[in-house]
Amino acid sequence: MDRENSKIFSKTEKMKMLYEAKAEDVEFSAAEADGEDLEAQARSIEADKRQLHQILKKK
């Protein structure tokens, strides 16, 4: 990202971009979660971070 087009986004702006990019309707119940569910949730969080990084890189 070059300095001329770089912008520091607020946390709210970042979250809005992430939610707009995410098109999932997934329900999660911590009470019914097993190890695989928790692992999948952790992978999902990491994927969201990578996706947000890509969104910010394009802007």
N, C-alpha and C. Protein backbone atom coordinates (compact mmCIF):
# COMPACT_ATOMS: atom_id res chain seq x y z
N MET A 1 0.85 -1.17 0.00
CA MET A 1 0.00 0.00 0.00
C MET A 1 0.89 1.23 0.00
N ASP A 2 0.64 2.15 -0.91
CA ASP A 2 1.46 3.35 -0.95
C ASP A 2 0.92 4.40 0.01
N ARG A 3 1.77 5.31 0.39
CA ARG A 3 1.41 6.30 1.41
C ARG A 3 0.33 7.27 0.92
N GLU A 4 0.30 7.56 -0.36
CA GLU A 4 -0.69 8.52 -0.88
C GLU A 4 -2.11 7.99 -0.73
N ASN A 5 -2.30 6.69 -0.92
CA ASN A 5 -3.64 6.11 -0.85
C ASN A 5 -3.91 5.42 0.47
N SER A 6 -2.97 5.48 1.40
CA SER A 6 -3.17 4.79 2.67
C SER A 6 -4.08 5.61 3.57
N LYS A 7 -4.89 4.90 4.32
CA LYS A 7 -5.80 5.54 5.25
C LYS A 7 -5.86 4.66 6.48
N ILE A 8 -5.91 5.26 7.63
CA ILE A 8 -6.05 4.48 8.85
C ILE A 8 -7.55 4.36 9.12
N PHE A 9 -8.02 3.13 9.11
CA PHE A 9 -9.44 2.87 9.31
C PHE A 9 -9.73 2.68 10.80
N SER A 10 -10.88 3.15 11.22
CA SER A 10 -11.29 2.93 12.61
C SER A 10 -11.72 1.48 12.76
N LYS A 11 -11.83 1.04 13.99
CA LYS A 11 -12.27 -0.33 14.25
C LYS A 11 -13.66 -0.55 13.67
N THR A 12 -14.52 0.43 13.78
CA THR A 12 -15.88 0.33 13.25
C THR A 12 -15.86 0.17 11.74
N GLU A 13 -15.03 0.96 11.07
CA GLU A 13 -14.93 0.86 9.61
C GLU A 13 -14.42 -0.51 9.20
N LYS A 14 -13.41 -1.02 9.93
CA LYS A 14 -12.87 -2.35 9.62
C LYS A 14 -13.93 -3.42 9.79
N MET A 15 -14.69 -3.34 10.88
CA MET A 15 -15.72 -4.35 11.14
C MET A 15 -16.82 -4.27 10.08
N LYS A 16 -17.20 -3.07 9.66
CA LYS A 16 -18.21 -2.93 8.62
C LYS A 16 -17.74 -3.56 7.32
N MET A 17 -16.46 -3.35 6.96
CA MET A 17 -15.92 -3.94 5.73
C MET A 17 -15.92 -5.46 5.83
N LEU A 18 -15.58 -5.96 7.00
CA LEU A 18 -15.54 -7.41 7.20
C LEU A 18 -16.94 -7.99 7.09
N TYR A 19 -17.92 -7.37 7.73
CA TYR A 19 -19.28 -7.88 7.68
C TYR A 19 -19.85 -7.82 6.26
N GLU A 20 -19.50 -6.78 5.53
CA GLU A 20 -19.96 -6.67 4.15
C GLU A 20 -19.36 -7.76 3.28
N ALA A 21 -18.12 -8.13 3.56
CA ALA A 21 -17.44 -9.15 2.76
C ALA A 21 -17.88 -10.55 3.14
N LYS A 22 -18.42 -10.70 4.31
CA LYS A 22 -18.82 -12.01 4.81
C LYS A 22 -20.29 -12.25 4.47
N ALA A 23 -20.58 -13.32 3.81
CA ALA A 23 -21.95 -13.62 3.42
C ALA A 23 -22.37 -14.98 4.00
N GLU A 24 -22.22 -15.12 5.28
CA GLU A 24 -22.52 -16.39 5.92
C GLU A 24 -23.65 -16.23 6.92
N ASP A 25 -24.49 -17.26 7.03
CA ASP A 25 -25.51 -17.34 8.07
C ASP A 25 -25.24 -18.62 8.84
N VAL A 26 -24.41 -18.52 9.84
CA VAL A 26 -24.02 -19.69 10.61
C VAL A 26 -24.38 -19.46 12.07
N GLU A 27 -25.04 -20.45 12.64
CA GLU A 27 -25.37 -20.38 14.05
C GLU A 27 -24.35 -21.16 14.85
N PHE A 28 -23.93 -20.64 15.97
CA PHE A 28 -22.94 -21.32 16.80
C PHE A 28 -23.47 -21.41 18.22
N SER A 29 -23.44 -22.60 18.77
CA SER A 29 -23.87 -22.82 20.15
C SER A 29 -22.67 -23.32 20.95
N ALA A 30 -22.17 -22.47 21.83
CA ALA A 30 -21.01 -22.86 22.65
C ALA A 30 -21.34 -24.06 23.53
N ALA A 31 -22.58 -24.19 23.95
CA ALA A 31 -22.98 -25.30 24.82
C ALA A 31 -22.89 -26.64 24.10
N GLU A 32 -23.11 -26.63 22.78
CA GLU A 32 -23.10 -27.87 22.01
C GLU A 32 -21.81 -28.06 21.21
N ALA A 33 -20.87 -27.16 21.34
CA ALA A 33 -19.63 -27.21 20.56
C ALA A 33 -18.71 -28.30 21.08
N ASP A 34 -18.07 -29.00 20.13
CA ASP A 34 -17.05 -29.97 20.51
C ASP A 34 -15.69 -29.42 20.04
N GLY A 35 -14.66 -30.21 20.19
CA GLY A 35 -13.31 -29.78 19.82
C GLY A 35 -13.20 -29.35 18.37
N GLU A 36 -13.86 -30.10 17.48
CA GLU A 36 -13.79 -29.76 16.05
C GLU A 36 -14.49 -28.43 15.78
N ASP A 37 -15.59 -28.18 16.48
CA ASP A 37 -16.30 -26.91 16.31
C ASP A 37 -15.44 -25.74 16.76
N LEU A 38 -14.78 -25.91 17.89
CA LEU A 38 -13.93 -24.84 18.40
C LEU A 38 -12.73 -24.59 17.48
N GLU A 39 -12.19 -25.68 16.92
CA GLU A 39 -11.09 -25.54 15.96
C GLU A 39 -11.56 -24.82 14.70
N ALA A 40 -12.75 -25.16 14.24
CA ALA A 40 -13.31 -24.51 13.05
C ALA A 40 -13.56 -23.03 13.32
N GLN A 41 -14.01 -22.72 14.51
CA GLN A 41 -14.24 -21.32 14.86
C GLN A 41 -12.93 -20.54 14.87
N ALA A 42 -11.89 -21.14 15.41
CA ALA A 42 -10.57 -20.48 15.43
C ALA A 42 -10.06 -20.26 14.01
N ARG A 43 -10.25 -21.26 13.13
CA ARG A 43 -9.83 -21.10 11.72
C ARG A 43 -10.63 -19.99 11.05
N SER A 44 -11.90 -19.91 11.39
CA SER A 44 -12.76 -18.88 10.82
C SER A 44 -12.30 -17.48 11.23
N ILE A 45 -11.92 -17.33 12.48
CA ILE A 45 -11.43 -16.04 12.97
C ILE A 45 -10.14 -15.65 12.23
N GLU A 46 -9.24 -16.61 12.05
CA GLU A 46 -7.99 -16.34 11.32
C GLU A 46 -8.29 -16.00 9.86
N ALA A 47 -9.24 -16.68 9.26
CA ALA A 47 -9.61 -16.39 7.86
C ALA A 47 -10.20 -14.98 7.76
N ASP A 48 -11.01 -14.59 8.75
CA ASP A 48 -11.57 -13.24 8.74
C ASP A 48 -10.46 -12.20 8.79
N LYS A 49 -9.44 -12.45 9.60
CA LYS A 49 -8.32 -11.51 9.70
C LYS A 49 -7.60 -11.39 8.36
N ARG A 50 -7.39 -12.54 7.69
CA ARG A 50 -6.72 -12.50 6.38
C ARG A 50 -7.59 -11.77 5.36
N GLN A 51 -8.89 -12.03 5.40
CA GLN A 51 -9.80 -11.39 4.46
C GLN A 51 -9.82 -9.88 4.68
N LEU A 52 -9.87 -9.45 5.93
CA LEU A 52 -9.86 -8.03 6.24
C LEU A 52 -8.55 -7.40 5.76
N HIS A 53 -7.46 -8.10 5.94
CA HIS A 53 -6.16 -7.61 5.45
C HIS A 53 -6.21 -7.40 3.94
N GLN A 54 -6.82 -8.34 3.22
CA GLN A 54 -6.92 -8.21 1.76
C GLN A 54 -7.80 -7.03 1.37
N ILE A 55 -8.89 -6.82 2.12
CA ILE A 55 -9.79 -5.70 1.83
C ILE A 55 -9.05 -4.39 2.02
N LEU A 56 -8.32 -4.28 3.14
CA LEU A 56 -7.59 -3.05 3.42
C LEU A 56 -6.47 -2.83 2.42
N LYS A 57 -5.87 -3.90 1.93
CA LYS A 57 -4.79 -3.82 0.96
C LYS A 57 -5.30 -3.24 -0.37
N LYS A 58 -6.55 -3.58 -0.74
CA LYS A 58 -7.12 -3.11 -2.00
C LYS A 58 -7.51 -1.64 -1.95
N LYS A 59 -7.79 -1.13 -0.76
CA LYS A 59 -8.28 0.26 -0.64
C LYS A 59 -7.18 1.23 -0.68
